[in-house]
PDB file of N, CA and C in Angstrom:
ATOM      1  N   GLN A   1      10.222  11.226  -7.686  1.00  0.00           N
ATOM      2  CA  GLN A   1      10.989  10.227  -6.980  1.00  0.00           C
ATOM      3  C   GLN A   1      10.830   8.862  -7.624  1.00  0.00           C
ATOM      4  N   GLY A   2       9.864   8.689  -8.514  1.00  0.00           N
ATOM      5  CA  GLY A   2       9.748   7.463  -9.276  1.00  0.00           C
ATOM      6  C   GLY A   2       8.857   6.394  -8.698  1.00  0.00           C
ATOM      7  N   LEU A   3       8.301   6.584  -7.501  1.00  0.00           N
ATOM      8  CA  LEU A   3       7.478   5.555  -6.874  1.00  0.00           C
ATOM      9  C   LEU A   3       6.043   5.628  -7.371  1.00  0.00           C
ATOM     10  N   LYS A   4       5.507   4.465  -7.753  1.00  0.00           N
ATOM     11  CA  LYS A   4       4.099   4.356  -8.133  1.00  0.00           C
ATOM     12  C   LYS A   4       3.520   3.162  -7.388  1.00  0.00           C
ATOM     13  N   ILE A   5       2.372   3.375  -6.738  1.00  0.00           N
ATOM     14  CA  ILE A   5       1.691   2.303  -6.015  1.00  0.00           C
ATOM     15  C   ILE A   5       0.318   2.123  -6.624  1.00  0.00           C
ATOM     16  N   GLN A   6       0.023   0.899  -7.057  1.00  0.00           N
ATOM     17  CA  GLN A   6      -1.286   0.568  -7.628  1.00  0.00           C
ATOM     18  C   GLN A   6      -1.997  -0.395  -6.699  1.00  0.00           C
ATOM     19  N   PHE A   7      -3.323  -0.250  -6.619  1.00  0.00           N
ATOM     20  CA  PHE A   7      -4.136  -1.130  -5.791  1.00  0.00           C
ATOM     21  C   PHE A   7      -4.985  -2.041  -6.665  1.00  0.00           C
ATOM     22  N   ALA A   8      -5.076  -3.302  -6.263  1.00  0.00           N
ATOM     23  CA  ALA A   8      -5.994  -4.266  -6.879  1.00  0.00           C
ATOM     24  C   ALA A   8      -6.899  -4.777  -5.765  1.00  0.00           C
ATOM     25  N   PHE A   9      -8.170  -4.992  -6.088  1.00  0.00           N
ATOM     26  CA  PHE A   9      -9.166  -5.319  -5.067  1.00  0.00           C
ATOM     27  C   PHE A   9      -9.815  -6.671  -5.320  1.00  0.00           C
ATOM     28  N   GLU A  10     -10.025  -7.407  -4.236  1.00  0.00           N
ATOM     29  CA  GLU A  10     -10.840  -8.620  -4.239  1.00  0.00           C
ATOM     30  C   GLU A  10     -11.803  -8.493  -3.067  1.00  0.00           C
ATOM     31  N   LYS A  11     -13.015  -8.963  -3.250  1.00  0.00           N
ATOM     32  CA  LYS A  11     -14.006  -8.880  -2.180  1.00  0.00           C
ATOM     33  C   LYS A  11     -14.520 -10.291  -1.882  1.00  0.00           C
ATOM     34  N   PRO A  12     -13.828 -11.029  -0.996  1.00  0.00           N
ATOM     35  CA  PRO A  12     -14.225 -12.405  -0.708  1.00  0.00           C
ATOM     36  C   PRO A  12     -15.558 -12.535   0.028  1.00  0.00           C
ATOM     37  N   SER A  13     -15.989 -11.458   0.685  1.00  0.00           N
ATOM     38  CA  SER A  13     -17.300 -11.450   1.345  1.00  0.00           C
ATOM     39  C   SER A  13     -17.803 -10.014   1.367  1.00  0.00           C
ATOM     40  N   PRO A  14     -19.083  -9.790   1.678  1.00  0.00           N
ATOM     41  CA  PRO A  14     -19.621  -8.422   1.682  1.00  0.00           C
ATOM     42  C   PRO A  14     -18.914  -7.474   2.668  1.00  0.00           C
ATOM     43  N   THR A  15     -18.296  -8.038   3.722  1.00  0.00           N
ATOM     44  CA  THR A  15     -17.661  -7.182   4.727  1.00  0.00           C
ATOM     45  C   THR A  15     -16.136  -7.293   4.743  1.00  0.00           C
ATOM     46  N   THR A  16     -15.559  -8.050   3.823  1.00  0.00           N
ATOM     47  CA  THR A  16     -14.111  -8.243   3.768  1.00  0.00           C
ATOM     48  C   THR A  16     -13.582  -7.779   2.424  1.00  0.00           C
ATOM     49  N   LEU A  17     -12.508  -7.007   2.462  1.00  0.00           N
ATOM     50  CA  LEU A  17     -11.862  -6.521   1.254  1.00  0.00           C
ATOM     51  C   LEU A  17     -10.387  -6.877   1.324  1.00  0.00           C
ATOM     52  N   ARG A  18      -9.881  -7.471   0.259  1.00  0.00           N
ATOM     53  CA  ARG A  18      -8.456  -7.809   0.152  1.00  0.00           C
ATOM     54  C   ARG A  18      -7.845  -6.850  -0.871  1.00  0.00           C
ATOM     55  N   ILE A  19      -6.897  -6.035  -0.403  1.00  0.00           N
ATOM     56  CA  ILE A  19      -6.250  -5.040  -1.248  1.00  0.00           C
ATOM     57  C   ILE A  19      -4.789  -5.454  -1.455  1.00  0.00           C
ATOM     58  N   THR A  20      -4.380  -5.569  -2.705  1.00  0.00           N
ATOM     59  CA  THR A  20      -2.982  -5.833  -3.010  1.00  0.00           C
ATOM     60  C   THR A  20      -2.368  -4.541  -3.546  1.00  0.00           C
ATOM     61  N   ALA A  21      -1.390  -4.027  -2.810  1.00  0.00           N
ATOM     62  CA  ALA A  21      -0.663  -2.825  -3.226  1.00  0.00           C
ATOM     63  C   ALA A  21       0.614  -3.272  -3.926  1.00  0.00           C
ATOM     64  N   THR A  22       0.797  -2.804  -5.148  1.00  0.00           N
ATOM     65  CA  THR A  22       1.992  -3.129  -5.923  1.00  0.00           C
ATOM     66  C   THR A  22       2.798  -1.852  -6.121  1.00  0.00           C
ATOM     67  N   SER A  23       4.028  -1.864  -5.601  1.00  0.00           N
ATOM     68  CA  SER A  23       4.900  -0.694  -5.671  1.00  0.00           C
ATOM     69  C   SER A  23       5.972  -0.928  -6.718  1.00  0.00           C
ATOM     70  N   VAL A  24       6.145   0.051  -7.604  1.00  0.00           N
ATOM     71  CA  VAL A  24       7.164  -0.010  -8.651  1.00  0.00           C
ATOM     72  C   VAL A  24       7.972   1.287  -8.609  1.00  0.00           C
ATOM     73  N   ASN A  25       9.248   1.187  -8.960  1.00  0.00           N
ATOM     74  CA  ASN A  25      10.183   2.299  -8.870  1.00  0.00           C
ATOM     75  C   ASN A  25      10.738   2.600 -10.257  1.00  0.00           C
ATOM     76  N   ALA A  26      10.337   3.718 -10.848  1.00  0.00           N
ATOM     77  CA  ALA A  26      10.796   4.101 -12.187  1.00  0.00           C
ATOM     78  C   ALA A  26      12.091   4.912 -12.159  1.00  0.00           C
ATOM     79  N   SER A  27      12.591   5.240 -10.978  1.00  0.00           N
ATOM     80  CA  SER A  27      13.821   6.039 -10.901  1.00  0.00           C
ATOM     81  C   SER A  27      15.046   5.162 -11.170  1.00  0.00           C
ATOM     82  N   GLY A  28      16.194   5.780 -11.241  1.00  0.00           N
ATOM     83  CA  GLY A  28      17.428   5.063 -11.527  1.00  0.00           C
ATOM     84  C   GLY A  28      18.137   4.511 -10.308  1.00  0.00           C
ATOM     85  N   ALA A  29      17.589   4.693  -9.106  1.00  0.00           N
ATOM     86  CA  ALA A  29      18.209   4.203  -7.870  1.00  0.00           C
ATOM     87  C   ALA A  29      17.208   3.357  -7.099  1.00  0.00           C
ATOM     88  N   SER A  30      17.690   2.261  -6.525  1.00  0.00           N
ATOM     89  CA  SER A  30      16.785   1.378  -5.781  1.00  0.00           C
ATOM     90  C   SER A  30      16.255   2.074  -4.533  1.00  0.00           C
ATOM     91  N   MET A  31      15.127   1.592  -4.051  1.00  0.00           N
ATOM     92  CA  MET A  31      14.510   2.071  -2.815  1.00  0.00           C
ATOM     93  C   MET A  31      14.681   0.959  -1.786  1.00  0.00           C
ATOM     94  N   ASP A  32      15.600   1.153  -0.850  1.00  0.00           N
ATOM     95  CA  ASP A  32      15.947   0.124   0.127  1.00  0.00           C
ATOM     96  C   ASP A  32      15.237   0.369   1.456  1.00  0.00           C
ATOM     97  N   ASN A  33      15.186  -0.662   2.285  1.00  0.00           N
ATOM     98  CA  ASN A  33      14.483  -0.600   3.575  1.00  0.00           C
ATOM     99  C   ASN A  33      13.052  -0.100   3.387  1.00  0.00           C
ATOM    100  N   PHE A  34      12.413  -0.555   2.329  1.00  0.00           N
ATOM    101  CA  PHE A  34      11.077  -0.092   1.939  1.00  0.00           C
ATOM    102  C   PHE A  34      10.026  -0.661   2.885  1.00  0.00           C
ATOM    103  N   THR A  35       9.187   0.214   3.419  1.00  0.00           N
ATOM    104  CA  THR A  35       8.038  -0.222   4.221  1.00  0.00           C
ATOM    105  C   THR A  35       6.796   0.524   3.760  1.00  0.00           C
ATOM    106  N   PHE A  36       5.693  -0.203   3.733  1.00  0.00           N
ATOM    107  CA  PHE A  36       4.385   0.344   3.365  1.00  0.00           C
ATOM    108  C   PHE A  36       3.469   0.060   4.545  1.00  0.00           C
ATOM    109  N   ARG A  37       2.894   1.101   5.105  1.00  0.00           N
ATOM    110  CA  ARG A  37       1.974   0.947   6.233  1.00  0.00           C
ATOM    111  C   ARG A  37       0.653   1.622   5.889  1.00  0.00           C
ATOM    112  N   ALA A  38      -0.413   1.069   6.424  1.00  0.00           N
ATOM    113  CA  ALA A  38      -1.747   1.616   6.185  1.00  0.00           C
ATOM    114  C   ALA A  38      -2.532   1.600   7.484  1.00  0.00           C
ATOM    115  N   ALA A  39      -3.399   2.596   7.637  1.00  0.00           N
ATOM    116  CA  ALA A  39      -4.274   2.684   8.803  1.00  0.00           C
ATOM    117  C   ALA A  39      -5.674   3.062   8.326  1.00  0.00           C
ATOM    118  N   VAL A  40      -6.671   2.573   9.042  1.00  0.00           N
ATOM    119  CA  VAL A  40      -8.069   2.840   8.706  1.00  0.00           C
ATOM    120  C   VAL A  40      -8.784   3.372   9.950  1.00  0.00           C
ATOM    121  N   PRO A  41      -9.935   4.042   9.781  1.00  0.00           N
ATOM    122  CA  PRO A  41     -10.692   4.517  10.943  1.00  0.00           C
ATOM    123  C   PRO A  41     -11.147   3.355  11.832  1.00  0.00           C
ATOM    124  N   LYS A  42     -11.553   3.676  13.041  1.00  0.00           N
ATOM    125  CA  LYS A  42     -11.921   2.656  14.032  1.00  0.00           C
ATOM    126  C   LYS A  42     -13.099   1.777  13.623  1.00  0.00           C
ATOM    127  N   ALA A  43     -13.917   2.232  12.703  1.00  0.00           N
ATOM    128  CA  ALA A  43     -15.057   1.420  12.245  1.00  0.00           C
ATOM    129  C   ALA A  43     -14.591   0.226  11.416  1.00  0.00           C
ATOM    130  N   PHE A  44     -13.321   0.233  11.000  1.00  0.00           N
ATOM    131  CA  PHE A  44     -12.733  -0.832  10.188  1.00  0.00           C
ATOM    132  C   PHE A  44     -11.677  -1.570  10.996  1.00  0.00           C
ATOM    133  N   GLN A  45     -11.269  -2.721  10.481  1.00  0.00           N
ATOM    134  CA  GLN A  45     -10.105  -3.431  11.006  1.00  0.00           C
ATOM    135  C   GLN A  45      -9.215  -3.748   9.821  1.00  0.00           C
ATOM    136  N   ILE A  46      -7.900  -3.627  10.018  1.00  0.00           N
ATOM    137  CA  ILE A  46      -6.968  -3.910   8.931  1.00  0.00           C
ATOM    138  C   ILE A  46      -5.877  -4.845   9.427  1.00  0.00           C
ATOM    139  N   GLN A  47      -5.499  -5.774   8.553  1.00  0.00           N
ATOM    140  CA  GLN A  47      -4.375  -6.662   8.829  1.00  0.00           C
ATOM    141  C   GLN A  47      -3.451  -6.623   7.619  1.00  0.00           C
ATOM    142  N   LEU A  48      -2.202  -6.229   7.851  1.00  0.00           N
ATOM    143  CA  LEU A  48      -1.220  -6.188   6.777  1.00  0.00           C
ATOM    144  C   LEU A  48      -0.422  -7.487   6.784  1.00  0.00           C
ATOM    145  N   GLU A  49      -0.360  -8.136   5.634  1.00  0.00           N
ATOM    146  CA  GLU A  49       0.460  -9.328   5.499  1.00  0.00           C
ATOM    147  C   GLU A  49       1.893  -8.899   5.221  1.00  0.00           C
ATOM    148  N   THR A  50       2.830  -9.818   5.331  1.00  0.00           N
ATOM    149  CA  THR A  50       4.235  -9.520   5.096  1.00  0.00           C
ATOM    150  C   THR A  50       4.444  -9.104   3.644  1.00  0.00           C
ATOM    151  N   GLN A  51       5.190  -8.013   3.442  1.00  0.00           N
ATOM    152  CA  GLN A  51       5.444  -7.560   2.073  1.00  0.00           C
ATOM    153  C   GLN A  51       6.414  -8.513   1.385  1.00  0.00           C
ATOM    154  N   SER A  52       6.416  -8.484   0.053  1.00  0.00           N
ATOM    155  CA  SER A  52       7.169  -9.460  -0.728  1.00  0.00           C
ATOM    156  C   SER A  52       8.681  -9.241  -0.702  1.00  0.00           C
ATOM    157  N   ALA A  53       9.138  -8.038  -0.437  1.00  0.00           N
ATOM    158  CA  ALA A  53      10.574  -7.733  -0.402  1.00  0.00           C
ATOM    159  C   ALA A  53      10.782  -6.428   0.353  1.00  0.00           C
ATOM    160  N   SER A  54      12.052  -6.132   0.669  1.00  0.00           N
ATOM    161  CA  SER A  54      12.334  -4.886   1.389  1.00  0.00           C
ATOM    162  C   SER A  54      13.004  -3.836   0.504  1.00  0.00           C
ATOM    163  N   SER A  55      13.243  -4.170  -0.760  1.00  0.00           N
ATOM    164  CA  SER A  55      13.806  -3.206  -1.709  1.00  0.00           C
ATOM    165  C   SER A  55      12.986  -3.194  -2.980  1.00  0.00           C
ATOM    166  N   VAL A  56      12.749  -1.993  -3.499  1.00  0.00           N
ATOM    167  CA  VAL A  56      12.062  -1.840  -4.780  1.00  0.00           C
ATOM    168  C   VAL A  56      13.146  -1.543  -5.816  1.00  0.00           C
ATOM    169  N   PRO A  57      13.371  -2.459  -6.768  1.00  0.00           N
ATOM    170  CA  PRO A  57      14.465  -2.269  -7.728  1.00  0.00           C
ATOM    171  C   PRO A  57      14.277  -1.022  -8.594  1.00  0.00           C
ATOM    172  N   ALA A  58      15.400  -0.472  -9.035  1.00  0.00           N
ATOM    173  CA  ALA A  58      15.393   0.702  -9.918  1.00  0.00           C
ATOM    174  C   ALA A  58      14.908   0.329 -11.311  1.00  0.00           C
ATOM    175  N   ASN A  59      14.579   1.351 -12.082  1.00  0.00           N
ATOM    176  CA  ASN A  59      14.235   1.219 -13.504  1.00  0.00           C
ATOM    177  C   ASN A  59      13.086   0.259 -13.770  1.00  0.00           C
ATOM    178  N   SER A  60      12.121   0.196 -12.848  1.00  0.00           N
ATOM    179  CA  SER A  60      10.935  -0.669 -12.984  1.00  0.00           C
ATOM    180  C   SER A  60      11.320  -2.126 -13.212  1.00  0.00           C
ATOM    181  N   ALA A  61      12.446  -2.558 -12.633  1.00  0.00           N
ATOM    182  CA  ALA A  61      12.955  -3.915 -12.837  1.00  0.00           C
ATOM    183  C   ALA A  61      12.282  -4.952 -11.951  1.00  0.00           C
ATOM    184  N   GLY A  62      11.383  -4.545 -11.084  1.00  0.00           N
ATOM    185  CA  GLY A  62      10.681  -5.460 -10.197  1.00  0.00           C
ATOM    186  C   GLY A  62       9.694  -4.692  -9.353  1.00  0.00           C
ATOM    187  N   VAL A  63       8.936  -5.418  -8.563  1.00  0.00           N
ATOM    188  CA  VAL A  63       7.913  -4.791  -7.728  1.00  0.00           C
ATOM    189  C   VAL A  63       7.983  -5.347  -6.309  1.00  0.00           C
ATOM    190  N   VAL A  64       7.372  -4.619  -5.392  1.00  0.00           N
ATOM    191  CA  VAL A  64       7.119  -5.103  -4.038  1.00  0.00           C
ATOM    192  C   VAL A  64       5.616  -5.101  -3.857  1.00  0.00           C
ATOM    193  N   THR A  65       5.084  -6.224  -3.386  1.00  0.00           N
ATOM    194  CA  THR A  65       3.646  -6.299  -3.145  1.00  0.00           C
ATOM    195  C   THR A  65       3.382  -6.393  -1.644  1.00  0.00           C
ATOM    196  N   GLN A  66       2.251  -5.839  -1.258  1.00  0.00           N
ATOM    197  CA  GLN A  66       1.807  -5.845   0.139  1.00  0.00           C
ATOM    198  C   GLN A  66       0.305  -6.070   0.114  1.00  0.00           C
ATOM    199  N   VAL A  67      -0.173  -7.039   0.881  1.00  0.00           N
ATOM    200  CA  VAL A  67      -1.605  -7.339   0.942  1.00  0.00           C
ATOM    201  C   VAL A  67      -2.163  -6.821   2.259  1.00  0.00           C
ATOM    202  N   ALA A  68      -3.288  -6.122   2.165  1.00  0.00           N
ATOM    203  CA  ALA A  68      -4.025  -5.651   3.334  1.00  0.00           C
ATOM    204  C   ALA A  68      -5.414  -6.265   3.293  1.00  0.00           C
ATOM    205  N   VAL A  69      -5.824  -6.860   4.394  1.00  0.00           N
ATOM    206  CA  VAL A  69      -7.178  -7.400   4.506  1.00  0.00           C
ATOM    207  C   VAL A  69      -7.954  -6.470   5.430  1.00  0.00           C
ATOM    208  N   VAL A  70      -9.020  -5.883   4.893  1.00  0.00           N
ATOM    209  CA  VAL A  70      -9.803  -4.901   5.629  1.00  0.00           C
ATOM    210  C   VAL A  70     -11.178  -5.483   5.935  1.00  0.00           C
ATOM    211  N   GLN A  71     -11.548  -5.432   7.214  1.00  0.00           N
ATOM    212  CA  GLN A  71     -12.892  -5.823   7.646  1.00  0.00           C
ATOM    213  C   GLN A  71     -13.719  -4.549   7.790  1.00  0.00           C
ATOM    214  N   ASN A  72     -14.897  -4.567   7.196  1.00  0.00           N
ATOM    215  CA  ASN A  72     -15.781  -3.399   7.198  1.00  0.00           C
ATOM    216  C   ASN A  72     -17.189  -3.854   7.585  1.00  0.00           C
ATOM    217  N   PRO A  73     -17.402  -4.174   8.878  1.00  0.00           N
ATOM    218  CA  PRO A  73     -18.695  -4.727   9.288  1.00  0.00           C
ATOM    219  C   PRO A  73     -19.875  -3.783   9.072  1.00  0.00           C
ATOM    220  N   SER A  74     -19.642  -2.474   9.110  1.00  0.00           N
ATOM    221  CA  SER A  74     -20.740  -1.528   8.916  1.00  0.00           C
ATOM    222  C   SER A  74     -20.875  -1.101   7.454  1.00  0.00           C
ATOM    223  N   GLN A  75     -20.004  -1.629   6.590  1.00  0.00           N
ATOM    224  CA  GLN A  75     -20.017  -1.360   5.152  1.00  0.00           C
ATOM    225  C   GLN A  75     -20.023   0.134   4.829  1.00  0.00           C
ATOM    226  N   GLN A  76     -19.184   0.888   5.530  1.00  0.00           N
ATOM    227  CA  GLN A  76     -19.010   2.316   5.281  1.00  0.00           C
ATOM    228  C   GLN A  76     -18.031   2.519   4.118  1.00  0.00           C
ATOM    229  N   PRO A  77     -18.050   3.691   3.483  1.00  0.00           N
ATOM    230  CA  PRO A  77     -17.043   3.983   2.451  1.00  0.00           C
ATOM    231  C   PRO A  77     -15.636   3.928   3.062  1.00  0.00           C
ATOM    232  N   LEU A  78     -14.734   3.279   2.371  1.00  0.00           N
ATOM    233  CA  LEU A  78     -13.385   3.069   2.892  1.00  0.00           C
ATOM    234  C   LEU A  78     -12.545   4.338   2.788  1.00  0.00           C
ATOM    235  N   ARG A  79     -11.805   4.620   3.863  1.00  0.00           N
ATOM    236  CA  ARG A  79     -10.793   5.672   3.906  1.00  0.00           C
ATOM    237  C   ARG A  79      -9.534   5.041   4.479  1.00  0.00           C
ATOM    238  N   MET A  80      -8.389   5.447   3.968  1.00  0.00           N
ATOM    239  CA  MET A  80      -7.144   4.834   4.408  1.00  0.00           C
ATOM    240  C   MET A  80      -6.017   5.862   4.404  1.00  0.00           C
ATOM    241  N   ARG A  81      -5.222   5.846   5.462  1.00  0.00           N
ATOM    242  CA  ARG A  81      -4.006   6.660   5.532  1.00  0.00           C
ATOM    243  C   ARG A  81      -2.826   5.753   5.205  1.00  0.00           C
ATOM    244  N   LEU A  82      -1.878   6.303   4.463  1.00  0.00           N
ATOM    245  CA  LEU A  82      -0.719   5.536   4.026  1.00  0.00           C
ATOM    246  C   LEU A  82       0.569   6.191   4.493  1.00  0.00           C
ATOM    247  N   LEU A  83       1.545   5.369   4.843  1.00  0.00           N
ATOM    248  CA  LEU A  83       2.872   5.833   5.205  1.00  0.00           C
ATOM    249  C   LEU A  83       3.880   4.926   4.517  1.00  0.00           C
ATOM    250  N   VAL A  84       4.759   5.519   3.721  1.00  0.00           N
ATOM    251  CA  VAL A  84       5.792   4.777   3.000  1.00  0.00           C
ATOM    252  C   VAL A  84       7.141   5.341   3.418  1.00  0.00           C
ATOM    253  N   ASN A  85       8.052   4.449   3.780  1.00  0.00           N
ATOM    254  CA  ASN A  85       9.421   4.837   4.134  1.00  0.00           C
ATOM    255  C   ASN A  85      10.395   4.023   3.306  1.00  0.00           C
ATOM    256  N   TYR A  86      11.493   4.653   2.909  1.00  0.00           N
ATOM    257  CA  TYR A  86      12.578   3.936   2.237  1.00  0.00           C
ATOM    258  C   TYR A  86      13.830   4.801   2.251  1.00  0.00           C
ATOM    259  N   VAL A  87      14.933   4.200   1.848  1.00  0.00           N
ATOM    260  CA  VAL A  87      16.206   4.906   1.718  1.00  0.00           C
ATOM    261  C   VAL A  87      16.597   4.838   0.249  1.00  0.00           C
ATOM    262  N   GLN A  88      16.911   6.009  -0.329  1.00  0.00           N
ATOM    263  CA  GLN A  88      17.308   6.073  -1.735  1.00  0.00           C
ATOM    264  C   GLN A  88      18.551   6.946  -1.845  1.00  0.00           C
ATOM    265  N   ASN A  89      19.578   6.418  -2.458  1.00  0.00           N
ATOM    266  CA  ASN A  89      20.863   7.126  -2.563  1.00  0.00           C
ATOM    267  C   ASN A  89      21.375   7.559  -1.189  1.00  0.00           C
ATOM    268  N   GLY A  90      21.137   6.717  -0.167  1.00  0.00           N
ATOM    269  CA  GLY A  90      21.611   6.998   1.179  1.00  0.00           C
ATOM    270  C   GLY A  90      20.766   7.963   1.985  1.00  0.00           C
ATOM    271  N   ALA A  91      19.717   8.511   1.388  1.00  0.00           N
ATOM    272  CA  ALA A  91      18.872   9.495   2.082  1.00  0.00           C
ATOM    273  C   ALA A  91      17.526   8.874   2.450  1.00  0.00           C
ATOM    274  N   PRO A  92      17.096   9.028   3.710  1.00  0.00           N
ATOM    275  CA  PRO A  92      15.781   8.513   4.098  1.00  0.00           C
ATOM    276  C   PRO A  92      14.658   9.351   3.485  1.00  0.00           C
ATOM    277  N   VAL A  93      13.608   8.657   3.064  1.00  0.00           N
ATOM    278  CA  VAL A  93      12.441   9.311   2.471  1.00  0.00           C
ATOM    279  C   VAL A  93      11.199   8.823   3.215  1.00  0.00           C
ATOM    280  N   GLU A  94      10.290   9.747   3.543  1.00  0.00           N
ATOM    281  CA  GLU A  94       9.015   9.400   4.167  1.00  0.00           C
ATOM    282  C   GLU A  94       7.905  10.081   3.381  1.00  0.00           C
ATOM    283  N   LEU A  95       6.944   9.292   2.934  1.00  0.00           N
ATOM    284  CA  LEU A  95       5.797   9.814   2.191  1.00  0.00           C
ATOM    285  C   LEU A  95       4.526   9.453   2.947  1.00  0.00           C
ATOM    286  N   MET A  96       3.642  10.429   3.111  1.00  0.00           N
ATOM    287  CA  MET A  96       2.363  10.191   3.772  1.00  0.00           C
ATOM    288  C   MET A  96       1.240  10.641   2.849  1.00  0.00           C
ATOM    289  N   GLY A  97       0.112   9.962   2.958  1.00  0.00           N
ATOM    290  CA  GLY A  97      -1.028  10.353   2.155  1.00  0.00           C
ATOM    291  C   GLY A  97      -2.298   9.723   2.677  1.00  0.00           C
ATOM    292  N   GLN A  98      -3.402  10.136   2.092  1.00  0.00           N
ATOM    293  CA  GLN A  98      -4.702   9.591   2.461  1.00  0.00           C
ATOM    294  C   GLN A  98      -5.480   9.305   1.191  1.00  0.00           C
ATOM    295  N   VAL A  99      -6.153   8.161   1.180  1.00  0.00           N
ATOM    296  CA  VAL A  99      -6.996   7.788   0.046  1.00  0.00           C
ATOM    297  C   VAL A  99      -8.443   7.788   0.520  1.00  0.00           C
ATOM    298  N   ASP A 100      -9.247   8.646  -0.103  1.00  0.00           N
ATOM    299  CA  ASP A 100     -10.669   8.751   0.239  1.00  0.00           C
ATOM    300  C   ASP A 100     -11.571   8.407  -0.950  1.00  0.00           C
ATOM    301  N   ASN A 101     -10.975   8.125  -2.097  1.00  0.00           N
ATOM    302  CA  ASN A 101     -11.760   7.940  -3.292  1.00  0.00           C
ATOM    303  C   ASN A 101     -11.639   6.531  -3.879  1.00  0.00           C
ATOM    304  N   PHE A 102     -11.805   5.527  -3.018  1.00  0.00           N
ATOM    305  CA  PHE A 102     -11.817   4.146  -3.485  1.00  0.00           C
ATOM    306  C   PHE A 102     -13.042   3.951  -4.370  1.00  0.00           C
ATOM    307  N   PRO A 103     -12.985   2.982  -5.292  1.00  0.00           N
ATOM    308  CA  PRO A 103     -14.141   2.747  -6.168  1.00  0.00           C
ATOM    309  C   PRO A 103     -15.414   2.431  -5.380  1.00  0.00           C
ATOM    310  N   ALA A 104     -16.542   2.816  -5.921  1.00  0.00           N
ATOM    311  CA  ALA A 104     -17.826   2.550  -5.278  1.00  0.00           C
ATOM    312  C   ALA A 104     -18.004   1.042  -5.073  1.00  0.00           C
ATOM    313  N   GLY A 105     -18.626   0.677  -3.965  1.00  0.00           N
ATOM    314  CA  GLY A 105     -18.880  -0.729  -3.680  1.00  0.00           C
ATOM    315  C   GLY A 105     -17.734  -1.453  -3.014  1.00  0.00           C
ATOM    316  N   ILE A 106     -16.643  -0.753  -2.783  1.00  0.00           N
ATOM    317  CA  ILE A 106     -15.476  -1.385  -2.142  1.00  0.00           C
ATOM    318  C   ILE A 106     -15.682  -1.393  -0.641  1.00  0.00           C
TER     319      ILE A 106
END
């Protein structure tokens, strides 16, 4: 489907993690009404900032970024569920996944 999401990490404090998700679309059709959602276990708190755009351009012509600020007071290994929705060529697409293998120390 052409979607690639990369994460970049900043750790402003021992219990706060700032994750920037950058979504790029390598397919030949734009991804419209794009939403990126994330959820974490109850031991964490997450706040999603407003994403940079609602469409991911085709042919890697641009990106959509989304920042998530995660509070981890107990400093447990991070786990995150992801939900991505968009419309491509008039058809709705929903992708779900879970990330359990964040880099050590995150």
